[in-house]
Amino acid sequence: MASFHWSHAVTTAGRSLMGAAQNVYVTEGTFGVLDSGEIPVQTADWSNELAVPMSEGALIAVGIHLGEIRATASSVSGPPPVMAGDFWEEIVEVSVHAPTGSLRVESLEHGPVDGLASLSPAGPGWYRLRVHARGRSILPDKTSSEPMEDYLLVTWPAPQADADIVRASERLEQDLAHANRAPKPQPAPPARSSEQEVLRQRLLRAKGRAE
């Protein structure tokens, strides 16, 4: 996507929410807004196919299957006005839980993205996450070494609430129409005891992938 478009978004959508954009490496069509890197994917709610909340943190479903997208992250004290103009094709809000207060934009392969702000500056608790997306239909399920999709992620402290589709593209409307086919979230697993965690780390080390 041409850089002109991004500059246009900064001008028309409000500079206060638009920090420096960073490339994010995407695998399996997703990247994360994760709390301390946790990915309880079995609890993911895929009902809107863009912003996918889990028992903690969320996944963001992109258009490409593998490669680079461009993202900006910002946190504010309260809900900002919805951005005017037509740059953002899709806007969805969900509630995200941050038990440790460490929400970060993360590549599921490379971890936290340097240069993007923390999304939970108020500490542990619930946040509202507004996901703005553009370009998800350009290269669906393809590979892209150059970012063709743009995302703006904005959070603010707020009690848990239902998801809200603020702006829908044709793709998102189709996804919503088939939402009953999406995987259903499962209950979060019980917290591990210290003994269980020690055993888990041992098993991970034995497989050469200790966290």
N, C-alpha and C. Protein backbone atom coordinates (compact mmCIF):
# COMPACT_ATOMS: atom_id res chain seq x y z
N MET A 1 0.85 -1.19 0.00
CA MET A 1 0.00 0.00 0.00
C MET A 1 0.88 1.23 0.00
N ALA A 2 0.56 2.20 -0.80
CA ALA A 2 1.42 3.36 -0.96
C ALA A 2 1.51 4.17 0.31
N SER A 3 2.69 4.76 0.54
CA SER A 3 2.90 5.54 1.76
C SER A 3 1.99 6.76 1.80
N PHE A 4 1.56 7.25 0.62
CA PHE A 4 0.64 8.38 0.58
C PHE A 4 -0.60 8.11 1.39
N HIS A 5 -1.12 6.90 1.31
CA HIS A 5 -2.34 6.55 2.05
C HIS A 5 -2.14 6.68 3.54
N TRP A 6 -0.97 6.21 4.03
CA TRP A 6 -0.73 6.30 5.47
C TRP A 6 -0.66 7.75 5.93
N SER A 7 0.02 8.59 5.15
CA SER A 7 0.10 10.01 5.50
C SER A 7 -1.28 10.64 5.49
N HIS A 8 -2.10 10.25 4.52
CA HIS A 8 -3.46 10.76 4.45
C HIS A 8 -4.24 10.38 5.70
N ALA A 9 -4.04 9.17 6.21
CA ALA A 9 -4.73 8.73 7.41
C ALA A 9 -4.32 9.56 8.60
N VAL A 10 -3.03 9.87 8.71
CA VAL A 10 -2.56 10.69 9.82
C VAL A 10 -3.21 12.05 9.79
N THR A 11 -3.35 12.61 8.61
CA THR A 11 -3.90 13.95 8.47
C THR A 11 -5.38 13.98 8.81
N THR A 12 -6.13 13.02 8.30
CA THR A 12 -7.58 13.08 8.43
C THR A 12 -8.10 12.40 9.67
N ALA A 13 -7.35 11.48 10.26
CA ALA A 13 -7.89 10.70 11.36
C ALA A 13 -7.47 11.21 12.72
N GLY A 14 -6.53 12.15 12.78
CA GLY A 14 -6.14 12.69 14.08
C GLY A 14 -4.76 12.22 14.49
N ARG A 15 -3.83 13.15 14.57
CA ARG A 15 -2.45 12.78 14.85
C ARG A 15 -2.27 12.20 16.26
N SER A 16 -3.16 12.54 17.19
CA SER A 16 -2.98 12.10 18.57
C SER A 16 -2.99 10.59 18.71
N LEU A 17 -3.64 9.88 17.80
CA LEU A 17 -3.71 8.42 17.89
C LEU A 17 -2.70 7.73 16.99
N MET A 18 -2.00 8.47 16.17
CA MET A 18 -1.17 7.86 15.15
C MET A 18 0.30 8.04 15.48
N GLY A 19 0.89 7.06 16.12
CA GLY A 19 2.32 7.07 16.37
C GLY A 19 3.05 6.55 15.15
N ALA A 20 4.31 6.22 15.36
CA ALA A 20 5.11 5.69 14.27
C ALA A 20 4.66 4.27 13.95
N ALA A 21 4.45 4.01 12.67
CA ALA A 21 4.04 2.67 12.24
C ALA A 21 5.25 1.75 12.21
N GLN A 22 5.01 0.48 12.54
CA GLN A 22 6.06 -0.54 12.52
C GLN A 22 5.56 -1.75 11.75
N ASN A 23 6.47 -2.41 11.08
CA ASN A 23 6.12 -3.66 10.43
C ASN A 23 5.99 -4.77 11.46
N VAL A 24 5.01 -5.64 11.26
CA VAL A 24 4.77 -6.78 12.14
C VAL A 24 4.77 -8.04 11.27
N TYR A 25 5.56 -9.03 11.66
CA TYR A 25 5.61 -10.28 10.91
C TYR A 25 4.44 -11.16 11.32
N VAL A 26 3.69 -11.61 10.33
CA VAL A 26 2.46 -12.36 10.54
C VAL A 26 2.68 -13.83 10.16
N THR A 27 2.21 -14.72 11.00
CA THR A 27 2.17 -16.15 10.66
C THR A 27 0.74 -16.66 10.86
N GLU A 28 0.34 -17.61 10.03
CA GLU A 28 -1.00 -18.19 10.12
C GLU A 28 -2.10 -17.13 10.10
N GLY A 29 -1.84 -16.02 9.41
CA GLY A 29 -2.87 -15.00 9.25
C GLY A 29 -3.21 -14.22 10.50
N THR A 30 -2.33 -14.21 11.49
CA THR A 30 -2.64 -13.51 12.74
C THR A 30 -1.39 -12.87 13.34
N PHE A 31 -1.63 -11.80 14.12
CA PHE A 31 -0.64 -11.32 15.08
C PHE A 31 -1.39 -11.09 16.39
N GLY A 32 -0.68 -10.68 17.42
CA GLY A 32 -1.32 -10.64 18.73
C GLY A 32 -1.25 -9.30 19.44
N VAL A 33 -2.24 -9.06 20.28
CA VAL A 33 -2.17 -8.05 21.35
C VAL A 33 -2.18 -8.88 22.62
N LEU A 34 -0.98 -9.20 23.11
CA LEU A 34 -0.84 -10.23 24.13
C LEU A 34 -0.41 -9.66 25.46
N ASP A 35 -0.87 -10.30 26.51
CA ASP A 35 -0.49 -9.93 27.88
C ASP A 35 0.62 -10.88 28.33
N SER A 36 1.83 -10.34 28.47
CA SER A 36 3.00 -11.13 28.86
C SER A 36 3.23 -12.30 27.91
N GLY A 37 2.82 -12.15 26.64
CA GLY A 37 3.09 -13.16 25.64
C GLY A 37 2.20 -14.38 25.69
N GLU A 38 1.21 -14.41 26.57
CA GLU A 38 0.34 -15.58 26.69
C GLU A 38 -0.62 -15.68 25.50
N ILE A 39 -0.85 -16.91 25.02
CA ILE A 39 -1.76 -17.15 23.90
C ILE A 39 -2.71 -18.29 24.25
N PRO A 40 -3.74 -18.05 25.06
CA PRO A 40 -4.72 -19.11 25.38
C PRO A 40 -5.70 -19.29 24.23
N VAL A 41 -5.19 -19.83 23.13
CA VAL A 41 -5.95 -19.81 21.87
C VAL A 41 -7.24 -20.62 21.97
N GLN A 42 -7.29 -21.59 22.89
CA GLN A 42 -8.51 -22.39 23.01
C GLN A 42 -9.69 -21.55 23.51
N THR A 43 -9.43 -20.36 24.05
CA THR A 43 -10.50 -19.50 24.54
C THR A 43 -10.87 -18.41 23.52
N ALA A 44 -10.26 -18.44 22.33
CA ALA A 44 -10.47 -17.38 21.34
C ALA A 44 -11.91 -17.35 20.82
N ASP A 45 -12.46 -16.15 20.73
CA ASP A 45 -13.80 -15.94 20.19
C ASP A 45 -13.64 -15.34 18.78
N TRP A 46 -13.86 -16.18 17.76
CA TRP A 46 -13.65 -15.79 16.37
C TRP A 46 -14.91 -15.22 15.72
N SER A 47 -15.86 -14.78 16.49
CA SER A 47 -17.17 -14.45 15.93
C SER A 47 -17.15 -13.27 14.97
N ASN A 48 -16.16 -12.36 15.06
CA ASN A 48 -16.14 -11.26 14.08
C ASN A 48 -14.98 -11.35 13.10
N GLU A 49 -14.06 -12.32 13.28
CA GLU A 49 -13.00 -12.61 12.32
C GLU A 49 -12.05 -11.45 12.07
N LEU A 50 -11.98 -10.49 12.99
CA LEU A 50 -10.97 -9.44 12.91
C LEU A 50 -10.28 -9.29 14.26
N ALA A 51 -11.02 -8.85 15.26
CA ALA A 51 -10.50 -8.74 16.62
C ALA A 51 -11.00 -9.94 17.41
N VAL A 52 -10.07 -10.78 17.85
CA VAL A 52 -10.40 -12.09 18.41
C VAL A 52 -9.97 -12.13 19.88
N PRO A 53 -10.85 -11.78 20.80
CA PRO A 53 -10.47 -11.78 22.21
C PRO A 53 -10.30 -13.18 22.75
N MET A 54 -9.37 -13.32 23.69
CA MET A 54 -9.16 -14.57 24.41
C MET A 54 -9.38 -14.31 25.89
N SER A 55 -9.18 -15.31 26.73
CA SER A 55 -9.34 -15.10 28.17
C SER A 55 -8.36 -14.05 28.68
N GLU A 56 -7.26 -13.88 27.97
CA GLU A 56 -6.36 -12.75 28.18
C GLU A 56 -5.73 -12.39 26.85
N GLY A 57 -5.66 -11.10 26.56
CA GLY A 57 -5.15 -10.67 25.28
C GLY A 57 -6.10 -10.96 24.13
N ALA A 58 -5.62 -10.73 22.92
CA ALA A 58 -6.45 -10.94 21.73
C ALA A 58 -5.54 -11.26 20.55
N LEU A 59 -6.12 -11.90 19.55
CA LEU A 59 -5.48 -12.10 18.26
C LEU A 59 -6.11 -11.15 17.26
N ILE A 60 -5.33 -10.72 16.28
CA ILE A 60 -5.84 -9.89 15.19
C ILE A 60 -5.71 -10.70 13.91
N ALA A 61 -6.84 -10.93 13.26
CA ALA A 61 -6.86 -11.71 12.02
C ALA A 61 -6.64 -10.78 10.83
N VAL A 62 -5.62 -11.07 10.04
CA VAL A 62 -5.26 -10.22 8.91
C VAL A 62 -5.68 -10.89 7.60
N GLY A 63 -5.37 -10.25 6.47
CA GLY A 63 -5.72 -10.83 5.19
C GLY A 63 -4.72 -11.85 4.69
N ILE A 64 -3.43 -11.49 4.77
CA ILE A 64 -2.40 -12.39 4.27
C ILE A 64 -2.24 -13.59 5.20
N HIS A 65 -1.61 -14.64 4.70
CA HIS A 65 -1.33 -15.81 5.52
C HIS A 65 0.04 -15.68 6.20
N LEU A 66 1.00 -15.10 5.47
CA LEU A 66 2.37 -15.03 5.97
C LEU A 66 3.04 -13.78 5.40
N GLY A 67 3.78 -13.07 6.25
CA GLY A 67 4.51 -11.91 5.77
C GLY A 67 4.37 -10.71 6.67
N GLU A 68 4.48 -9.53 6.08
CA GLU A 68 4.53 -8.28 6.84
C GLU A 68 3.24 -7.47 6.67
N ILE A 69 2.79 -6.91 7.81
CA ILE A 69 1.75 -5.89 7.79
C ILE A 69 2.31 -4.68 8.53
N ARG A 70 1.60 -3.56 8.50
CA ARG A 70 2.05 -2.33 9.15
C ARG A 70 1.05 -1.97 10.24
N ALA A 71 1.56 -1.66 11.44
CA ALA A 71 0.66 -1.39 12.57
C ALA A 71 1.15 -0.20 13.39
N THR A 72 0.18 0.47 14.00
CA THR A 72 0.43 1.53 14.96
C THR A 72 -0.38 1.20 16.20
N ALA A 73 0.16 1.52 17.37
CA ALA A 73 -0.53 1.23 18.63
C ALA A 73 -0.55 2.49 19.49
N SER A 74 -1.68 2.69 20.17
CA SER A 74 -1.83 3.87 21.02
C SER A 74 -2.77 3.55 22.17
N SER A 75 -2.50 4.13 23.33
CA SER A 75 -3.42 3.99 24.47
C SER A 75 -3.89 5.38 24.89
N VAL A 76 -5.16 5.47 25.28
CA VAL A 76 -5.77 6.73 25.67
C VAL A 76 -6.54 6.51 26.98
N SER A 77 -6.97 7.60 27.59
CA SER A 77 -7.63 7.49 28.89
C SER A 77 -9.10 7.13 28.79
N GLY A 78 -9.71 7.39 27.63
CA GLY A 78 -11.13 7.10 27.44
C GLY A 78 -11.43 6.93 25.97
N PRO A 79 -12.66 6.53 25.63
CA PRO A 79 -12.99 6.24 24.23
C PRO A 79 -12.84 7.47 23.35
N PRO A 80 -12.01 7.41 22.31
CA PRO A 80 -11.87 8.54 21.39
C PRO A 80 -13.01 8.55 20.38
N PRO A 81 -13.25 9.68 19.73
CA PRO A 81 -14.25 9.70 18.66
C PRO A 81 -13.87 8.72 17.55
N VAL A 82 -14.88 8.15 16.92
CA VAL A 82 -14.61 7.28 15.78
C VAL A 82 -14.06 8.12 14.64
N MET A 83 -12.99 7.63 14.02
CA MET A 83 -12.32 8.39 12.97
C MET A 83 -13.22 8.55 11.75
N ALA A 84 -13.28 9.78 11.26
CA ALA A 84 -14.05 10.06 10.07
C ALA A 84 -13.26 9.67 8.83
N GLY A 85 -13.89 9.77 7.68
CA GLY A 85 -13.21 9.45 6.44
C GLY A 85 -13.31 7.97 6.12
N ASP A 86 -12.79 7.61 4.94
CA ASP A 86 -12.95 6.24 4.47
C ASP A 86 -11.64 5.47 4.42
N PHE A 87 -10.58 5.99 5.06
CA PHE A 87 -9.31 5.26 5.02
C PHE A 87 -9.45 3.89 5.67
N TRP A 88 -10.04 3.85 6.89
CA TRP A 88 -10.18 2.58 7.59
C TRP A 88 -11.43 1.87 7.11
N GLU A 89 -11.23 0.72 6.50
CA GLU A 89 -12.33 -0.05 5.92
C GLU A 89 -13.12 -0.81 6.97
N GLU A 90 -12.45 -1.19 8.06
CA GLU A 90 -13.08 -1.98 9.11
C GLU A 90 -12.66 -1.43 10.47
N ILE A 91 -13.62 -1.32 11.38
CA ILE A 91 -13.33 -0.89 12.75
C ILE A 91 -14.18 -1.77 13.68
N VAL A 92 -13.51 -2.46 14.59
CA VAL A 92 -14.18 -3.36 15.53
C VAL A 92 -13.64 -3.10 16.93
N GLU A 93 -14.54 -3.12 17.91
CA GLU A 93 -14.15 -2.97 19.32
C GLU A 93 -14.45 -4.26 20.07
N VAL A 94 -13.49 -4.67 20.92
CA VAL A 94 -13.70 -5.81 21.82
C VAL A 94 -13.09 -5.48 23.17
N SER A 95 -13.50 -6.22 24.18
CA SER A 95 -12.89 -6.10 25.50
C SER A 95 -11.74 -7.09 25.62
N VAL A 96 -10.64 -6.62 26.21
CA VAL A 96 -9.44 -7.44 26.36
C VAL A 96 -9.00 -7.41 27.81
N HIS A 97 -8.72 -8.59 28.35
CA HIS A 97 -8.26 -8.68 29.73
C HIS A 97 -6.74 -8.75 29.77
N ALA A 98 -6.14 -7.97 30.66
CA ALA A 98 -4.69 -7.96 30.84
C ALA A 98 -4.37 -8.26 32.30
N PRO A 99 -4.31 -9.53 32.68
CA PRO A 99 -4.10 -9.88 34.09
C PRO A 99 -2.80 -9.34 34.68
N THR A 100 -1.76 -9.21 33.85
CA THR A 100 -0.48 -8.70 34.36
C THR A 100 -0.23 -7.26 33.96
N GLY A 101 -1.13 -6.68 33.16
CA GLY A 101 -0.96 -5.30 32.74
C GLY A 101 0.19 -5.11 31.76
N SER A 102 0.42 -6.12 30.90
CA SER A 102 1.55 -6.06 29.97
C SER A 102 1.10 -6.31 28.53
N LEU A 103 0.07 -5.60 28.10
CA LEU A 103 -0.43 -5.76 26.74
C LEU A 103 0.54 -5.15 25.74
N ARG A 104 0.99 -5.95 24.78
CA ARG A 104 1.89 -5.48 23.73
C ARG A 104 1.46 -6.06 22.39
N VAL A 105 1.74 -5.31 21.34
CA VAL A 105 1.58 -5.87 20.00
C VAL A 105 2.73 -6.85 19.76
N GLU A 106 2.39 -8.07 19.35
CA GLU A 106 3.42 -9.10 19.19
C GLU A 106 3.24 -9.86 17.89
N SER A 107 4.37 -10.18 17.27
CA SER A 107 4.40 -11.19 16.23
C SER A 107 4.36 -12.54 16.94
N LEU A 108 3.55 -13.46 16.45
CA LEU A 108 3.46 -14.76 17.11
C LEU A 108 4.74 -15.57 16.93
N GLU A 109 5.61 -15.13 16.03
CA GLU A 109 6.89 -15.81 15.85
C GLU A 109 8.04 -15.06 16.49
N HIS A 110 8.03 -13.73 16.42
CA HIS A 110 9.18 -12.95 16.88
C HIS A 110 8.96 -12.21 18.20
N GLY A 111 7.75 -12.25 18.74
CA GLY A 111 7.50 -11.62 20.03
C GLY A 111 7.15 -10.14 19.92
N PRO A 112 7.31 -9.38 21.03
CA PRO A 112 6.90 -7.97 21.06
C PRO A 112 7.57 -7.16 19.95
N VAL A 113 6.79 -6.21 19.40
CA VAL A 113 7.28 -5.38 18.31
C VAL A 113 7.89 -4.11 18.88
N ASP A 114 9.18 -3.94 18.67
CA ASP A 114 9.86 -2.73 19.13
C ASP A 114 9.27 -1.51 18.44
N GLY A 115 9.16 -0.43 19.20
CA GLY A 115 8.68 0.82 18.63
C GLY A 115 7.19 1.04 18.74
N LEU A 116 6.45 0.03 19.22
CA LEU A 116 5.01 0.19 19.43
C LEU A 116 4.72 0.29 20.93
N ALA A 117 3.86 1.22 21.29
CA ALA A 117 3.59 1.52 22.69
C ALA A 117 2.90 0.37 23.41
N SER A 118 3.13 0.31 24.73
CA SER A 118 2.35 -0.60 25.57
C SER A 118 0.89 -0.20 25.49
N LEU A 119 0.00 -1.19 25.51
CA LEU A 119 -1.43 -0.93 25.39
C LEU A 119 -2.17 -1.09 26.72
N SER A 120 -1.43 -1.20 27.82
CA SER A 120 -2.08 -1.31 29.14
C SER A 120 -1.37 -0.46 30.17
N PRO A 121 -1.23 0.85 29.92
CA PRO A 121 -0.48 1.71 30.84
C PRO A 121 -1.12 1.87 32.21
N ALA A 122 -2.42 1.56 32.32
CA ALA A 122 -3.10 1.67 33.62
C ALA A 122 -2.91 0.44 34.50
N GLY A 123 -2.13 -0.54 34.01
CA GLY A 123 -1.87 -1.73 34.81
C GLY A 123 -2.86 -2.85 34.54
N PRO A 124 -2.87 -3.86 35.40
CA PRO A 124 -3.76 -5.01 35.20
C PRO A 124 -5.23 -4.62 35.16
N GLY A 125 -6.00 -5.37 34.38
CA GLY A 125 -7.44 -5.12 34.34
C GLY A 125 -7.99 -5.26 32.93
N TRP A 126 -9.21 -4.74 32.75
CA TRP A 126 -9.90 -4.81 31.47
C TRP A 126 -9.66 -3.54 30.66
N TYR A 127 -9.51 -3.73 29.36
CA TYR A 127 -9.34 -2.63 28.42
C TYR A 127 -10.28 -2.82 27.25
N ARG A 128 -10.66 -1.71 26.64
CA ARG A 128 -11.37 -1.75 25.37
C ARG A 128 -10.32 -1.62 24.27
N LEU A 129 -10.40 -2.49 23.28
CA LEU A 129 -9.48 -2.48 22.15
C LEU A 129 -10.26 -2.15 20.89
N ARG A 130 -9.90 -1.05 20.26
CA ARG A 130 -10.51 -0.68 18.98
C ARG A 130 -9.50 -0.99 17.87
N VAL A 131 -9.88 -1.88 16.99
CA VAL A 131 -9.01 -2.31 15.89
C VAL A 131 -9.48 -1.68 14.60
N HIS A 132 -8.60 -0.90 13.97
CA HIS A 132 -8.87 -0.32 12.65
C HIS A 132 -8.05 -1.11 11.64
N ALA A 133 -8.66 -1.45 10.52
CA ALA A 133 -7.96 -2.26 9.52
C ALA A 133 -8.25 -1.74 8.11
N ARG A 134 -7.22 -1.87 7.27
CA ARG A 134 -7.35 -1.52 5.86
C ARG A 134 -6.50 -2.48 5.04
N GLY A 135 -7.06 -3.00 3.96
CA GLY A 135 -6.27 -3.79 3.03
C GLY A 135 -6.36 -5.29 3.21
N ARG A 136 -7.26 -5.77 4.05
CA ARG A 136 -7.30 -7.22 4.31
C ARG A 136 -7.73 -8.03 3.08
N SER A 137 -8.34 -7.36 2.10
CA SER A 137 -8.81 -8.09 0.92
C SER A 137 -7.84 -8.01 -0.26
N ILE A 138 -6.68 -7.38 -0.06
CA ILE A 138 -5.76 -7.20 -1.19
C ILE A 138 -5.11 -8.52 -1.59
N LEU A 139 -4.56 -9.26 -0.62
CA LEU A 139 -3.88 -10.53 -0.90
C LEU A 139 -4.38 -11.60 0.07
N PRO A 140 -5.64 -11.95 0.02
CA PRO A 140 -6.17 -12.89 1.01
C PRO A 140 -5.47 -14.24 0.96
N ASP A 141 -4.99 -14.67 2.12
CA ASP A 141 -4.35 -15.98 2.30
C ASP A 141 -3.06 -16.14 1.49
N LYS A 142 -2.48 -15.03 1.04
CA LYS A 142 -1.23 -15.07 0.28
C LYS A 142 -0.06 -14.68 1.19
N THR A 143 1.14 -14.65 0.58
CA THR A 143 2.35 -14.22 1.27
C THR A 143 2.77 -12.86 0.75
N SER A 144 3.19 -11.97 1.64
CA SER A 144 3.61 -10.62 1.23
C SER A 144 4.82 -10.19 2.05
N SER A 145 5.95 -9.98 1.36
CA SER A 145 7.15 -9.52 2.05
C SER A 145 7.13 -8.02 2.29
N GLU A 146 6.26 -7.30 1.58
CA GLU A 146 6.07 -5.86 1.76
C GLU A 146 4.68 -5.63 2.35
N PRO A 147 4.57 -4.75 3.35
CA PRO A 147 3.24 -4.54 3.97
C PRO A 147 2.25 -3.91 3.02
N MET A 148 1.13 -4.61 2.84
CA MET A 148 0.03 -4.13 2.01
C MET A 148 -1.21 -3.83 2.85
N GLU A 149 -1.14 -4.12 4.14
CA GLU A 149 -2.27 -3.91 5.05
C GLU A 149 -1.85 -2.99 6.20
N ASP A 150 -2.77 -2.15 6.63
CA ASP A 150 -2.52 -1.21 7.74
C ASP A 150 -3.48 -1.49 8.88
N TYR A 151 -2.95 -1.33 10.12
CA TYR A 151 -3.74 -1.54 11.33
C TYR A 151 -3.42 -0.44 12.33
N LEU A 152 -4.45 0.05 12.99
CA LEU A 152 -4.30 0.97 14.11
C LEU A 152 -5.01 0.35 15.30
N LEU A 153 -4.29 0.17 16.40
CA LEU A 153 -4.81 -0.47 17.61
C LEU A 153 -4.83 0.57 18.72
N VAL A 154 -6.02 0.81 19.27
CA VAL A 154 -6.19 1.82 20.32
C VAL A 154 -6.87 1.17 21.52
N THR A 155 -6.34 1.41 22.71
CA THR A 155 -6.94 0.86 23.93
C THR A 155 -7.22 1.96 24.94
N TRP A 156 -8.16 1.68 25.84
CA TRP A 156 -8.40 2.52 27.00
C TRP A 156 -9.02 1.65 28.09
N PRO A 157 -8.81 2.01 29.37
CA PRO A 157 -9.41 1.21 30.45
C PRO A 157 -10.94 1.28 30.38
N ALA A 158 -11.58 0.11 30.48
CA ALA A 158 -13.05 0.05 30.41
C ALA A 158 -13.51 -1.31 30.89
N PRO A 159 -14.69 -1.38 31.52
CA PRO A 159 -15.23 -2.68 31.95
C PRO A 159 -15.49 -3.59 30.76
N GLN A 160 -15.58 -4.87 31.02
CA GLN A 160 -15.86 -5.84 29.97
C GLN A 160 -17.23 -5.55 29.36
N ALA A 161 -17.29 -5.64 28.03
CA ALA A 161 -18.54 -5.39 27.30
C ALA A 161 -18.54 -6.21 26.02
N ASP A 162 -19.72 -6.31 25.38
CA ASP A 162 -19.82 -7.06 24.14
C ASP A 162 -19.04 -6.39 23.03
N ALA A 163 -18.68 -7.18 22.02
CA ALA A 163 -18.00 -6.65 20.85
C ALA A 163 -18.93 -5.69 20.11
N ASP A 164 -18.33 -4.74 19.41
CA ASP A 164 -19.09 -3.75 18.65
C ASP A 164 -18.47 -3.61 17.26
N ILE A 165 -19.27 -3.86 16.23
CA ILE A 165 -18.81 -3.67 14.85
C ILE A 165 -19.09 -2.21 14.49
N VAL A 166 -18.07 -1.38 14.52
CA VAL A 166 -18.24 0.05 14.27
C VAL A 166 -18.33 0.33 12.78
N ARG A 167 -17.50 -0.35 11.99
CA ARG A 167 -17.52 -0.18 10.54
C ARG A 167 -17.17 -1.52 9.90
N ALA A 168 -17.98 -1.94 8.93
CA ALA A 168 -17.77 -3.26 8.33
C ALA A 168 -17.52 -3.12 6.83
N SER A 169 -16.55 -3.88 6.35
CA SER A 169 -16.32 -4.01 4.92
C SER A 169 -17.19 -5.14 4.38
N GLU A 170 -17.16 -5.32 3.06
CA GLU A 170 -17.89 -6.45 2.48
C GLU A 170 -17.34 -7.76 3.01
N ARG A 171 -16.00 -7.84 3.15
CA ARG A 171 -15.40 -9.06 3.67
C ARG A 171 -15.88 -9.34 5.09
N LEU A 172 -15.89 -8.30 5.94
CA LEU A 172 -16.30 -8.51 7.33
C LEU A 172 -17.77 -8.88 7.41
N GLU A 173 -18.59 -8.29 6.56
CA GLU A 173 -20.02 -8.64 6.56
C GLU A 173 -20.21 -10.11 6.20
N GLN A 174 -19.40 -10.60 5.24
CA GLN A 174 -19.48 -12.02 4.89
C GLN A 174 -19.04 -12.90 6.05
N ASP A 175 -17.96 -12.47 6.74
CA ASP A 175 -17.49 -13.23 7.90
C ASP A 175 -18.56 -13.29 8.98
N LEU A 176 -19.23 -12.15 9.21
CA LEU A 176 -20.27 -12.11 10.25
C LEU A 176 -21.45 -12.99 9.88
N ALA A 177 -21.74 -13.06 8.58
CA ALA A 177 -22.86 -13.89 8.13
C ALA A 177 -22.59 -15.37 8.38
N HIS A 178 -21.32 -15.74 8.44
CA HIS A 178 -20.96 -17.14 8.67
C HIS A 178 -20.36 -17.34 10.06
N ALA A 179 -20.67 -16.43 10.98
CA ALA A 179 -20.05 -16.47 12.30
C ALA A 179 -20.38 -17.74 13.06
N ASN A 180 -21.53 -18.34 12.75
CA ASN A 180 -21.91 -19.56 13.48
C ASN A 180 -20.98 -20.72 13.15
N ARG A 181 -20.19 -20.60 12.09
CA ARG A 181 -19.23 -21.65 11.74
C ARG A 181 -17.88 -21.45 12.42
N ALA A 182 -17.69 -20.29 13.04
CA ALA A 182 -16.40 -19.99 13.66
C ALA A 182 -16.18 -20.86 14.89
N PRO A 183 -14.92 -21.19 15.21
CA PRO A 183 -14.64 -21.97 16.42
C PRO A 183 -15.19 -21.28 17.66
N LYS A 184 -15.80 -22.05 18.53
CA LYS A 184 -16.36 -21.48 19.75
C LYS A 184 -15.30 -21.43 20.86
N PRO A 185 -15.29 -20.33 21.63
CA PRO A 185 -14.31 -20.26 22.71
C PRO A 185 -14.57 -21.31 23.77
N GLN A 186 -13.50 -21.84 24.33
CA GLN A 186 -13.59 -22.82 25.40
C GLN A 186 -13.22 -22.14 26.72
N PRO A 187 -13.67 -22.68 27.86
CA PRO A 187 -13.31 -22.08 29.14
C PRO A 187 -11.80 -22.04 29.30
N ALA A 188 -11.34 -20.99 29.98
CA ALA A 188 -9.90 -20.88 30.25
C ALA A 188 -9.47 -22.03 31.15
N PRO A 189 -8.28 -22.58 30.93
CA PRO A 189 -7.80 -23.65 31.80
C PRO A 189 -7.54 -23.13 33.20
N PRO A 190 -7.66 -23.99 34.21
CA PRO A 190 -7.39 -23.52 35.57
C PRO A 190 -5.94 -23.08 35.72
N ALA A 191 -5.72 -22.15 36.64
CA ALA A 191 -4.36 -21.66 36.87
C ALA A 191 -3.46 -22.80 37.32
N ARG A 192 -2.22 -22.78 36.82
CA ARG A 192 -1.27 -23.83 37.20
C ARG A 192 -0.70 -23.54 38.58
N SER A 193 -0.53 -24.60 39.37
CA SER A 193 0.16 -24.46 40.64
C SER A 193 1.65 -24.30 40.37
N SER A 194 2.41 -23.91 41.40
CA SER A 194 3.85 -23.75 41.22
C SER A 194 4.50 -25.06 40.82
N GLU A 195 4.01 -26.17 41.38
CA GLU A 195 4.56 -27.48 41.03
C GLU A 195 4.28 -27.82 39.56
N GLN A 196 3.05 -27.52 39.12
CA GLN A 196 2.70 -27.78 37.74
C GLN A 196 3.53 -26.93 36.78
N GLU A 197 3.79 -25.69 37.17
CA GLU A 197 4.57 -24.80 36.32
C GLU A 197 6.01 -25.29 36.21
N VAL A 198 6.57 -25.77 37.31
CA VAL A 198 7.94 -26.32 37.28
C VAL A 198 7.99 -27.51 36.32
N LEU A 199 6.98 -28.40 36.41
CA LEU A 199 6.93 -29.56 35.53
C LEU A 199 6.78 -29.12 34.07
N ARG A 200 5.91 -28.12 33.83
CA ARG A 200 5.70 -27.63 32.47
C ARG A 200 7.01 -27.10 31.89
N GLN A 201 7.74 -26.31 32.65
CA GLN A 201 9.00 -25.75 32.16
C GLN A 201 10.02 -26.85 31.88
N ARG A 202 10.02 -27.91 32.73
CA ARG A 202 10.93 -29.03 32.49
C ARG A 202 10.62 -29.70 31.16
N LEU A 203 9.32 -29.92 30.91
CA LEU A 203 8.92 -30.57 29.67
C LEU A 203 9.28 -29.72 28.46
N LEU A 204 9.08 -28.40 28.58
CA LEU A 204 9.42 -27.51 27.48
C LEU A 204 10.92 -27.52 27.20
N ARG A 205 11.72 -27.51 28.29
CA ARG A 205 13.17 -27.54 28.10
C ARG A 205 13.59 -28.84 27.43
N ALA A 206 12.93 -29.92 27.81
CA ALA A 206 13.28 -31.22 27.22
C ALA A 206 13.01 -31.22 25.73
N LYS A 207 12.04 -30.42 25.31
CA LYS A 207 11.73 -30.33 23.88
C LYS A 207 12.51 -29.20 23.19
N GLY A 208 13.36 -28.52 23.98
CA GLY A 208 14.21 -27.48 23.42
C GLY A 208 13.48 -26.19 23.11
N ARG A 209 12.35 -25.90 23.81
CA ARG A 209 11.63 -24.66 23.57
C ARG A 209 11.14 -24.04 24.87
N ALA A 210 11.98 -24.02 25.89
CA ALA A 210 11.61 -23.43 27.17
C ALA A 210 11.27 -21.96 27.00
N GLU A 211 10.26 -21.51 27.73
CA GLU A 211 9.86 -20.12 27.66
C GLU A 211 10.67 -19.29 28.66
